[in-house]
Every structure is written in structure tokens, then in C-alpha cells.
Amino acid sequence: MAANHRAEIIKAHIIGHGLDAWSTSFDSIYIENILLDLLFALRNVSTSRLLPSNTSHGTLQHDLQKLISAVASETFDLAHILPLLNAVVARKPDSDT
């Protein structure tokens, strides 16, 4: 009897896509944390202090610090930095040449 009642409740109130927003939010937060860890690690590599910036005066380390601030903001679109994460996960070489 209790099993039937439970089945009726589940059938009448299907979760379906009810957790999609939570799942998307969870994925986004998880990815953001992974990206921040990666950016902090890159910022701390000595090479980042030695390489000049391609976009401004200063070094790559300075650019990475600005990127860390941007990623930590609520308005940053994580899709812009996913290629970097994918390259690191795939262990692509430092240079494509």
C-alpha cells in the first residue's frame, strides 16, 4: 500500500527537468573553482613573471591576476576560458609550433 502511494506521488509530481537549474548552477560553480585553481597555479609559475604580456604593459602574471578577478566576478562568461582548461587537461604542448 505504501509503495503504491509513493509511486502515485512520484508519477503525479515528476521531477523531470526540475533540477536542471541546480545542476547548471552546480556545474558552473564547479568549473569556476577548477578554473580559478588553474589560473592561480599558472600565475605562480615563474615563467608567468618572465613572459611579457601580449595585451598590455607588464607580464603574463599581471594578465593572469586580472583574469582571476574577472573569473571570480559574477558576470564572467566561463565559455571564454574553457579552451584553456581543455588544453591543460589534454596536456597540449606549450607551443603549437
PDB file of N, CA and C in Angstrom:
ATOM      1  N   MET A   1       0.821  -1.189   0.000  1.00  0.00           N
ATOM      2  CA  MET A   1       0.000   0.000   0.000  1.00  0.00           C
ATOM      3  C   MET A   1       0.864   1.252   0.000  1.00  0.00           C
ATOM      4  N   ALA A   2       1.857   1.305   0.898  1.00  0.00           N
ATOM      5  CA  ALA A   2       2.730   2.471   0.972  1.00  0.00           C
ATOM      6  C   ALA A   2       3.526   2.637  -0.319  1.00  0.00           C
ATOM      7  N   ALA A   3       3.929   1.524  -0.926  1.00  0.00           N
ATOM      8  CA  ALA A   3       4.694   1.582  -2.170  1.00  0.00           C
ATOM      9  C   ALA A   3       3.835   2.153  -3.294  1.00  0.00           C
ATOM     10  N   ASN A   4       2.557   1.766  -3.315  1.00  0.00           N
ATOM     11  CA  ASN A   4       1.652   2.297  -4.335  1.00  0.00           C
ATOM     12  C   ASN A   4       1.455   3.804  -4.155  1.00  0.00           C
ATOM     13  N   HIS A   5       1.282   4.226  -2.910  1.00  0.00           N
ATOM     14  CA  HIS A   5       1.092   5.649  -2.623  1.00  0.00           C
ATOM     15  C   HIS A   5       2.328   6.441  -3.050  1.00  0.00           C
ATOM     16  N   ARG A   6       3.461   5.879  -2.733  1.00  0.00           N
ATOM     17  CA  ARG A   6       4.723   6.529  -3.113  1.00  0.00           C
ATOM     18  C   ARG A   6       4.832   6.626  -4.630  1.00  0.00           C
ATOM     19  N   ALA A   7       4.520   5.567  -5.339  1.00  0.00           N
ATOM     20  CA  ALA A   7       4.571   5.552  -6.797  1.00  0.00           C
ATOM     21  C   ALA A   7       3.598   6.567  -7.390  1.00  0.00           C
ATOM     22  N   GLU A   8       2.426   6.708  -6.784  1.00  0.00           N
ATOM     23  CA  GLU A   8       1.436   7.677  -7.262  1.00  0.00           C
ATOM     24  C   GLU A   8       1.951   9.105  -7.099  1.00  0.00           C
ATOM     25  N   ILE A   9       2.582   9.375  -5.977  1.00  0.00           N
ATOM     26  CA  ILE A   9       3.136  10.721  -5.737  1.00  0.00           C
ATOM     27  C   ILE A   9       4.224  11.024  -6.770  1.00  0.00           C
ATOM     28  N   ILE A  10       5.104  10.061  -6.987  1.00  0.00           N
ATOM     29  CA  ILE A  10       6.190  10.258  -7.946  1.00  0.00           C
ATOM     30  C   ILE A  10       5.627  10.458  -9.351  1.00  0.00           C
ATOM     31  N   LYS A  11       4.632   9.669  -9.712  1.00  0.00           N
ATOM     32  CA  LYS A  11       4.029   9.777 -11.041  1.00  0.00           C
ATOM     33  C   LYS A  11       3.322  11.115 -11.221  1.00  0.00           C
ATOM     34  N   ALA A  12       2.665  11.597 -10.178  1.00  0.00           N
ATOM     35  CA  ALA A  12       1.919  12.853 -10.261  1.00  0.00           C
ATOM     36  C   ALA A  12       2.830  14.077 -10.201  1.00  0.00           C
ATOM     37  N   HIS A  13       3.999  13.917  -9.633  1.00  0.00           N
ATOM     38  CA  HIS A  13       4.908  15.054  -9.460  1.00  0.00           C
ATOM     39  C   HIS A  13       6.304  14.686  -9.975  1.00  0.00           C
ATOM     40  N   ILE A  14       6.386  14.411 -11.257  1.00  0.00           N
ATOM     41  CA  ILE A  14       7.647  14.002 -11.879  1.00  0.00           C
ATOM     42  C   ILE A  14       8.669  15.131 -11.746  1.00  0.00           C
ATOM     43  N   ILE A  15       9.842  14.750 -11.309  1.00  0.00           N
ATOM     44  CA  ILE A  15      10.919  15.734 -11.165  1.00  0.00           C
ATOM     45  C   ILE A  15      11.370  16.218 -12.539  1.00  0.00           C
ATOM     46  N   GLY A  16      11.485  15.293 -13.473  1.00  0.00           N
ATOM     47  CA  GLY A  16      11.860  15.672 -14.834  1.00  0.00           C
ATOM     48  C   GLY A  16      13.043  16.606 -14.868  1.00  0.00           C
ATOM     49  N   HIS A  17      12.813  17.775 -15.424  1.00  0.00           N
ATOM     50  CA  HIS A  17      13.877  18.768 -15.552  1.00  0.00           C
ATOM     51  C   HIS A  17      13.887  19.745 -14.374  1.00  0.00           C
ATOM     52  N   GLY A  18      13.222  19.407 -13.306  1.00  0.00           N
ATOM     53  CA  GLY A  18      13.114  20.293 -12.152  1.00  0.00           C
ATOM     54  C   GLY A  18      14.435  20.635 -11.487  1.00  0.00           C
ATOM     55  N   LEU A  19      15.445  19.811 -11.701  1.00  0.00           N
ATOM     56  CA  LEU A  19      16.750  20.071 -11.095  1.00  0.00           C
ATOM     57  C   LEU A  19      17.755  20.636 -12.096  1.00  0.00           C
ATOM     58  N   ASP A  20      17.310  20.927 -13.309  1.00  0.00           N
ATOM     59  CA  ASP A  20      18.224  21.435 -14.329  1.00  0.00           C
ATOM     60  C   ASP A  20      18.918  22.726 -13.894  1.00  0.00           C
ATOM     61  N   ALA A  21      18.173  23.655 -13.330  1.00  0.00           N
ATOM     62  CA  ALA A  21      18.765  24.929 -12.913  1.00  0.00           C
ATOM     63  C   ALA A  21      19.825  24.688 -11.843  1.00  0.00           C
ATOM     64  N   TRP A  22      19.528  23.810 -10.893  1.00  0.00           N
ATOM     65  CA  TRP A  22      20.502  23.494  -9.848  1.00  0.00           C
ATOM     66  C   TRP A  22      21.729  22.828 -10.459  1.00  0.00           C
ATOM     67  N   SER A  23      21.514  21.889 -11.354  1.00  0.00           N
ATOM     68  CA  SER A  23      22.614  21.178 -11.983  1.00  0.00           C
ATOM     69  C   SER A  23      23.503  22.131 -12.766  1.00  0.00           C
ATOM     70  N   THR A  24      22.889  23.030 -13.516  1.00  0.00           N
ATOM     71  CA  THR A  24      23.653  24.016 -14.276  1.00  0.00           C
ATOM     72  C   THR A  24      24.445  24.903 -13.336  1.00  0.00           C
ATOM     73  N   SER A  25      23.814  25.331 -12.256  1.00  0.00           N
ATOM     74  CA  SER A  25      24.488  26.175 -11.273  1.00  0.00           C
ATOM     75  C   SER A  25      25.649  25.419 -10.644  1.00  0.00           C
ATOM     76  N   PHE A  26      25.423  24.158 -10.284  1.00  0.00           N
ATOM     77  CA  PHE A  26      26.477  23.335  -9.688  1.00  0.00           C
ATOM     78  C   PHE A  26      27.640  23.184 -10.648  1.00  0.00           C
ATOM     79  N   ASP A  27      27.330  22.855 -11.927  1.00  0.00           N
ATOM     80  CA  ASP A  27      28.375  22.699 -12.929  1.00  0.00           C
ATOM     81  C   ASP A  27      29.159  23.987 -13.090  1.00  0.00           C
ATOM     82  N   SER A  28      28.465  25.103 -13.132  1.00  0.00           N
ATOM     83  CA  SER A  28      29.112  26.398 -13.312  1.00  0.00           C
ATOM     84  C   SER A  28      30.041  26.720 -12.149  1.00  0.00           C
ATOM     85  N   ILE A  29      29.577  26.487 -10.929  1.00  0.00           N
ATOM     86  CA  ILE A  29      30.397  26.750  -9.741  1.00  0.00           C
ATOM     87  C   ILE A  29      31.600  25.822  -9.722  1.00  0.00           C
ATOM     88  N   TYR A  30      31.400  24.554 -10.058  1.00  0.00           N
ATOM     89  CA  TYR A  30      32.495  23.583 -10.076  1.00  0.00           C
ATOM     90  C   TYR A  30      33.538  24.001 -11.105  1.00  0.00           C
ATOM     91  N   ILE A  31      33.091  24.335 -12.303  1.00  0.00           N
ATOM     92  CA  ILE A  31      34.010  24.750 -13.364  1.00  0.00           C
ATOM     93  C   ILE A  31      34.737  26.025 -12.961  1.00  0.00           C
ATOM     94  N   GLU A  32      34.022  26.970 -12.376  1.00  0.00           N
ATOM     95  CA  GLU A  32      34.657  28.221 -11.944  1.00  0.00           C
ATOM     96  C   GLU A  32      35.767  27.935 -10.935  1.00  0.00           C
ATOM     97  N   ASN A  33      35.514  27.061  -9.983  1.00  0.00           N
ATOM     98  CA  ASN A  33      36.532  26.729  -8.981  1.00  0.00           C
ATOM     99  C   ASN A  33      37.745  26.048  -9.608  1.00  0.00           C
ATOM    100  N   ILE A  34      37.503  25.144 -10.532  1.00  0.00           N
ATOM    101  CA  ILE A  34      38.597  24.462 -11.230  1.00  0.00           C
ATOM    102  C   ILE A  34      39.425  25.477 -12.020  1.00  0.00           C
ATOM    103  N   LEU A  35      38.734  26.381 -12.723  1.00  0.00           N
ATOM    104  CA  LEU A  35      39.441  27.398 -13.498  1.00  0.00           C
ATOM    105  C   LEU A  35      40.253  28.337 -12.607  1.00  0.00           C
ATOM    106  N   LEU A  36      39.681  28.729 -11.480  1.00  0.00           N
ATOM    107  CA  LEU A  36      40.425  29.589 -10.560  1.00  0.00           C
ATOM    108  C   LEU A  36      41.669  28.883 -10.031  1.00  0.00           C
ATOM    109  N   ASP A  37      41.537  27.606  -9.689  1.00  0.00           N
ATOM    110  CA  ASP A  37      42.714  26.842  -9.240  1.00  0.00           C
ATOM    111  C   ASP A  37      43.780  26.813 -10.322  1.00  0.00           C
ATOM    112  N   LEU A  38      43.361  26.602 -11.568  1.00  0.00           N
ATOM    113  CA  LEU A  38      44.294  26.577 -12.686  1.00  0.00           C
ATOM    114  C   LEU A  38      44.974  27.934 -12.862  1.00  0.00           C
ATOM    115  N   LEU A  39      44.190  29.010 -12.830  1.00  0.00           N
ATOM    116  CA  LEU A  39      44.757  30.345 -13.024  1.00  0.00           C
ATOM    117  C   LEU A  39      45.727  30.723 -11.903  1.00  0.00           C
ATOM    118  N   PHE A  40      45.403  30.359 -10.674  1.00  0.00           N
ATOM    119  CA  PHE A  40      46.323  30.618  -9.561  1.00  0.00           C
ATOM    120  C   PHE A  40      47.626  29.835  -9.760  1.00  0.00           C
ATOM    121  N   ALA A  41      47.510  28.588 -10.207  1.00  0.00           N
ATOM    122  CA  ALA A  41      48.709  27.773 -10.440  1.00  0.00           C
ATOM    123  C   ALA A  41      49.554  28.382 -11.560  1.00  0.00           C
ATOM    124  N   LEU A  42      48.910  28.816 -12.641  1.00  0.00           N
ATOM    125  CA  LEU A  42      49.639  29.439 -13.746  1.00  0.00           C
ATOM    126  C   LEU A  42      50.302  30.742 -13.305  1.00  0.00           C
ATOM    127  N   ARG A  43      49.592  31.505 -12.504  1.00  0.00           N
ATOM    128  CA  ARG A  43      50.136  32.779 -12.022  1.00  0.00           C
ATOM    129  C   ARG A  43      51.390  32.561 -11.183  1.00  0.00           C
ATOM    130  N   ASN A  44      51.445  31.442 -10.480  1.00  0.00           N
ATOM    131  CA  ASN A  44      52.563  31.178  -9.581  1.00  0.00           C
ATOM    132  C   ASN A  44      53.757  30.510 -10.262  1.00  0.00           C
ATOM    133  N   VAL A  45      53.614  30.134 -11.521  1.00  0.00           N
ATOM    134  CA  VAL A  45      54.741  29.560 -12.269  1.00  0.00           C
ATOM    135  C   VAL A  45      55.700  30.689 -12.615  1.00  0.00           C
ATOM    136  N   SER A  46      56.982  30.474 -12.413  1.00  0.00           N
ATOM    137  CA  SER A  46      57.961  31.549 -12.632  1.00  0.00           C
ATOM    138  C   SER A  46      57.929  32.094 -14.056  1.00  0.00           C
ATOM    139  N   THR A  47      57.569  31.293 -15.009  1.00  0.00           N
ATOM    140  CA  THR A  47      57.504  31.742 -16.395  1.00  0.00           C
ATOM    141  C   THR A  47      56.526  32.901 -16.559  1.00  0.00           C
ATOM    142  N   SER A  48      55.445  32.896 -15.778  1.00  0.00           N
ATOM    143  CA  SER A  48      54.457  33.967 -15.911  1.00  0.00           C
ATOM    144  C   SER A  48      55.027  35.320 -15.481  1.00  0.00           C
ATOM    145  N   ARG A  49      56.039  35.292 -14.625  1.00  0.00           N
ATOM    146  CA  ARG A  49      56.696  36.543 -14.214  1.00  0.00           C
ATOM    147  C   ARG A  49      57.697  37.020 -15.252  1.00  0.00           C
ATOM    148  N   LEU A  50      58.150  36.128 -16.111  1.00  0.00           N
ATOM    149  CA  LEU A  50      59.181  36.452 -17.090  1.00  0.00           C
ATOM    150  C   LEU A  50      58.615  36.818 -18.458  1.00  0.00           C
ATOM    151  N   LEU A  51      57.492  36.232 -18.833  1.00  0.00           N
ATOM    152  CA  LEU A  51      56.925  36.487 -20.153  1.00  0.00           C
ATOM    153  C   LEU A  51      56.220  37.839 -20.195  1.00  0.00           C
ATOM    154  N   PRO A  52      56.486  38.619 -21.236  1.00  0.00           N
ATOM    155  CA  PRO A  52      55.765  39.885 -21.362  1.00  0.00           C
ATOM    156  C   PRO A  52      54.314  39.637 -21.750  1.00  0.00           C
ATOM    157  N   SER A  53      53.477  40.554 -21.387  1.00  0.00           N
ATOM    158  CA  SER A  53      52.065  40.484 -21.730  1.00  0.00           C
ATOM    159  C   SER A  53      51.882  40.690 -23.230  1.00  0.00           C
ATOM    160  N   ASN A  54      50.921  39.981 -23.812  1.00  0.00           N
ATOM    161  CA  ASN A  54      50.562  40.200 -25.212  1.00  0.00           C
ATOM    162  C   ASN A  54      49.515  41.291 -25.358  1.00  0.00           C
ATOM    163  N   THR A  55      48.891  41.685 -24.258  1.00  0.00           N
ATOM    164  CA  THR A  55      47.764  42.613 -24.338  1.00  0.00           C
ATOM    165  C   THR A  55      47.992  43.948 -23.652  1.00  0.00           C
ATOM    166  N   SER A  56      49.010  44.032 -22.800  1.00  0.00           N
ATOM    167  CA  SER A  56      49.229  45.278 -22.070  1.00  0.00           C
ATOM    168  C   SER A  56      50.688  45.367 -21.648  1.00  0.00           C
ATOM    169  N   HIS A  57      51.024  46.441 -20.972  1.00  0.00           N
ATOM    170  CA  HIS A  57      52.367  46.550 -20.405  1.00  0.00           C
ATOM    171  C   HIS A  57      52.426  45.639 -19.188  1.00  0.00           C
ATOM    172  N   GLY A  58      53.559  45.104 -18.922  1.00  0.00           N
ATOM    173  CA  GLY A  58      53.700  44.226 -17.772  1.00  0.00           C
ATOM    174  C   GLY A  58      53.970  42.810 -18.215  1.00  0.00           C
ATOM    175  N   THR A  59      53.614  41.875 -17.356  1.00  0.00           N
ATOM    176  CA  THR A  59      53.919  40.467 -17.602  1.00  0.00           C
ATOM    177  C   THR A  59      52.641  39.638 -17.689  1.00  0.00           C
ATOM    178  N   LEU A  60      52.832  38.405 -18.102  1.00  0.00           N
ATOM    179  CA  LEU A  60      51.726  37.462 -18.135  1.00  0.00           C
ATOM    180  C   LEU A  60      51.120  37.297 -16.743  1.00  0.00           C
ATOM    181  N   GLN A  61      51.952  37.361 -15.721  1.00  0.00           N
ATOM    182  CA  GLN A  61      51.452  37.232 -14.350  1.00  0.00           C
ATOM    183  C   GLN A  61      50.416  38.320 -14.046  1.00  0.00           C
ATOM    184  N   HIS A  62      50.672  39.528 -14.489  1.00  0.00           N
ATOM    185  CA  HIS A  62      49.722  40.626 -14.287  1.00  0.00           C
ATOM    186  C   HIS A  62      48.415  40.346 -15.033  1.00  0.00           C
ATOM    187  N   ASP A  63      48.517  39.839 -16.254  1.00  0.00           N
ATOM    188  CA  ASP A  63      47.323  39.488 -17.028  1.00  0.00           C
ATOM    189  C   ASP A  63      46.524  38.386 -16.332  1.00  0.00           C
ATOM    190  N   LEU A  64      47.239  37.406 -15.803  1.00  0.00           N
ATOM    191  CA  LEU A  64      46.565  36.312 -15.103  1.00  0.00           C
ATOM    192  C   LEU A  64      45.837  36.820 -13.863  1.00  0.00           C
ATOM    193  N   GLN A  65      46.447  37.771 -13.164  1.00  0.00           N
ATOM    194  CA  GLN A  65      45.785  38.335 -11.984  1.00  0.00           C
ATOM    195  C   GLN A  65      44.487  39.032 -12.381  1.00  0.00           C
ATOM    196  N   LYS A  66      44.509  39.771 -13.483  1.00  0.00           N
ATOM    197  CA  LYS A  66      43.288  40.438 -13.965  1.00  0.00           C
ATOM    198  C   LYS A  66      42.243  39.394 -14.378  1.00  0.00           C
ATOM    199  N   LEU A  67      42.700  38.312 -15.004  1.00  0.00           N
ATOM    200  CA  LEU A  67      41.786  37.256 -15.418  1.00  0.00           C
ATOM    201  C   LEU A  67      41.175  36.552 -14.210  1.00  0.00           C
ATOM    202  N   ILE A  68      41.951  36.340 -13.170  1.00  0.00           N
ATOM    203  CA  ILE A  68      41.434  35.742 -11.930  1.00  0.00           C
ATOM    204  C   ILE A  68      40.314  36.605 -11.367  1.00  0.00           C
ATOM    205  N   SER A  69      40.523  37.903 -11.339  1.00  0.00           N
ATOM    206  CA  SER A  69      39.482  38.814 -10.842  1.00  0.00           C
ATOM    207  C   SER A  69      38.233  38.737 -11.710  1.00  0.00           C
ATOM    208  N   ALA A  70      38.431  38.664 -13.015  1.00  0.00           N
ATOM    209  CA  ALA A  70      37.282  38.591 -13.926  1.00  0.00           C
ATOM    210  C   ALA A  70      36.503  37.287 -13.741  1.00  0.00           C
ATOM    211  N   VAL A  71      37.214  36.168 -13.646  1.00  0.00           N
ATOM    212  CA  VAL A  71      36.553  34.867 -13.473  1.00  0.00           C
ATOM    213  C   VAL A  71      35.790  34.829 -12.159  1.00  0.00           C
ATOM    214  N   ALA A  72      36.332  35.452 -11.136  1.00  0.00           N
ATOM    215  CA  ALA A  72      35.684  35.456  -9.824  1.00  0.00           C
ATOM    216  C   ALA A  72      34.449  36.366  -9.798  1.00  0.00           C
ATOM    217  N   SER A  73      34.323  37.241 -10.775  1.00  0.00           N
ATOM    218  CA  SER A  73      33.150  38.119 -10.808  1.00  0.00           C
ATOM    219  C   SER A  73      31.929  37.323 -11.259  1.00  0.00           C
ATOM    220  N   GLU A  74      30.776  37.836 -10.968  1.00  0.00           N
ATOM    221  CA  GLU A  74      29.535  37.132 -11.307  1.00  0.00           C
ATOM    222  C   GLU A  74      29.146  37.304 -12.768  1.00  0.00           C
ATOM    223  N   THR A  75      29.823  38.175 -13.493  1.00  0.00           N
ATOM    224  CA  THR A  75      29.413  38.465 -14.861  1.00  0.00           C
ATOM    225  C   THR A  75      30.294  37.805 -15.909  1.00  0.00           C
ATOM    226  N   PHE A  76      31.327  37.091 -15.498  1.00  0.00           N
ATOM    227  CA  PHE A  76      32.255  36.493 -16.452  1.00  0.00           C
ATOM    228  C   PHE A  76      31.625  35.269 -17.113  1.00  0.00           C
ATOM    229  N   ASP A  77      31.750  35.172 -18.428  1.00  0.00           N
ATOM    230  CA  ASP A  77      31.251  34.025 -19.181  1.00  0.00           C
ATOM    231  C   ASP A  77      32.357  32.971 -19.234  1.00  0.00           C
ATOM    232  N   LEU A  78      32.166  31.886 -18.501  1.00  0.00           N
ATOM    233  CA  LEU A  78      33.194  30.848 -18.395  1.00  0.00           C
ATOM    234  C   LEU A  78      33.539  30.220 -19.734  1.00  0.00           C
ATOM    235  N   ALA A  79      32.649  30.324 -20.707  1.00  0.00           N
ATOM    236  CA  ALA A  79      32.915  29.734 -22.022  1.00  0.00           C
ATOM    237  C   ALA A  79      34.152  30.350 -22.667  1.00  0.00           C
ATOM    238  N   HIS A  80      34.490  31.572 -22.283  1.00  0.00           N
ATOM    239  CA  HIS A  80      35.648  32.242 -22.866  1.00  0.00           C
ATOM    240  C   HIS A  80      36.972  31.605 -22.460  1.00  0.00           C
ATOM    241  N   ILE A  81      36.986  30.916 -21.366  1.00  0.00           N
ATOM    242  CA  ILE A  81      38.252  30.377 -20.859  1.00  0.00           C
ATOM    243  C   ILE A  81      38.300  28.844 -20.896  1.00  0.00           C
ATOM    244  N   LEU A  82      37.210  28.213 -21.293  1.00  0.00           N
ATOM    245  CA  LEU A  82      37.195  26.754 -21.352  1.00  0.00           C
ATOM    246  C   LEU A  82      38.247  26.173 -22.303  1.00  0.00           C
ATOM    247  N   PRO A  83      38.589  26.842 -23.418  1.00  0.00           N
ATOM    248  CA  PRO A  83      39.658  26.284 -24.258  1.00  0.00           C
ATOM    249  C   PRO A  83      40.986  26.131 -23.500  1.00  0.00           C
ATOM    250  N   LEU A  84      41.283  27.059 -22.611  1.00  0.00           N
ATOM    251  CA  LEU A  84      42.499  26.948 -21.807  1.00  0.00           C
ATOM    252  C   LEU A  84      42.429  25.714 -20.913  1.00  0.00           C
ATOM    253  N   LEU A  85      41.294  25.536 -20.243  1.00  0.00           N
ATOM    254  CA  LEU A  85      41.128  24.366 -19.375  1.00  0.00           C
ATOM    255  C   LEU A  85      41.242  23.080 -20.186  1.00  0.00           C
ATOM    256  N   ASN A  86      40.603  23.053 -21.347  1.00  0.00           N
ATOM    257  CA  ASN A  86      40.670  21.860 -22.198  1.00  0.00           C
ATOM    258  C   ASN A  86      42.098  21.570 -22.645  1.00  0.00           C
ATOM    259  N   ALA A  87      42.861  22.627 -22.975  1.00  0.00           N
ATOM    260  CA  ALA A  87      44.252  22.435 -23.397  1.00  0.00           C
ATOM    261  C   ALA A  87      45.097  21.861 -22.269  1.00  0.00           C
ATOM    262  N   VAL A  88      44.867  22.346 -21.051  1.00  0.00           N
ATOM    263  CA  VAL A  88      45.631  21.847 -19.899  1.00  0.00           C
ATOM    264  C   VAL A  88      45.268  20.400 -19.606  1.00  0.00           C
ATOM    265  N   VAL A  89      43.982  20.091 -19.634  1.00  0.00           N
ATOM    266  CA  VAL A  89      43.537  18.718 -19.362  1.00  0.00           C
ATOM    267  C   VAL A  89      44.087  17.770 -20.411  1.00  0.00           C
ATOM    268  N   ALA A  90      44.142  18.216 -21.668  1.00  0.00           N
ATOM    269  CA  ALA A  90      44.663  17.387 -22.760  1.00  0.00           C
ATOM    270  C   ALA A  90      46.186  17.358 -22.786  1.00  0.00           C
ATOM    271  N   ARG A  91      46.806  18.139 -21.876  1.00  0.00           N
ATOM    272  CA  ARG A  91      48.265  18.230 -21.793  1.00  0.00           C
ATOM    273  C   ARG A  91      48.885  18.618 -23.131  1.00  0.00           C
ATOM    274  N   LYS A  92      48.277  19.630 -23.758  1.00  0.00           N
ATOM    275  CA  LYS A  92      48.811  20.117 -25.025  1.00  0.00           C
ATOM    276  C   LYS A  92      50.160  20.780 -24.774  1.00  0.00           C
ATOM    277  N   PRO A  93      51.031  20.776 -25.775  1.00  0.00           N
ATOM    278  CA  PRO A  93      52.356  21.388 -25.581  1.00  0.00           C
ATOM    279  C   PRO A  93      52.241  22.892 -25.378  1.00  0.00           C
ATOM    280  N   ASP A  94      53.291  23.473 -24.799  1.00  0.00           N
ATOM    281  CA  ASP A  94      53.317  24.914 -24.552  1.00  0.00           C
ATOM    282  C   ASP A  94      53.210  25.714 -25.831  1.00  0.00           C
ATOM    283  N   SER A  95      53.702  25.153 -26.916  1.00  0.00           N
ATOM    284  CA  SER A  95      53.703  25.839 -28.207  1.00  0.00           C
ATOM    285  C   SER A  95      53.123  24.924 -29.261  1.00  0.00           C
ATOM    286  N   ASP A  96      52.387  25.515 -30.191  1.00  0.00           N
ATOM    287  CA  ASP A  96      51.808  24.724 -31.274  1.00  0.00           C
ATOM    288  C   ASP A  96      52.774  24.597 -32.450  1.00  0.00           C
ATOM    289  N   THR A  97      53.965  25.151 -32.308  1.00  0.00           N
ATOM    290  CA  THR A  97      54.922  25.104 -33.413  1.00  0.00           C
ATOM    291  C   THR A  97      55.774  23.878 -33.354  1.00  0.00           C
TER     292      THR A  97
END
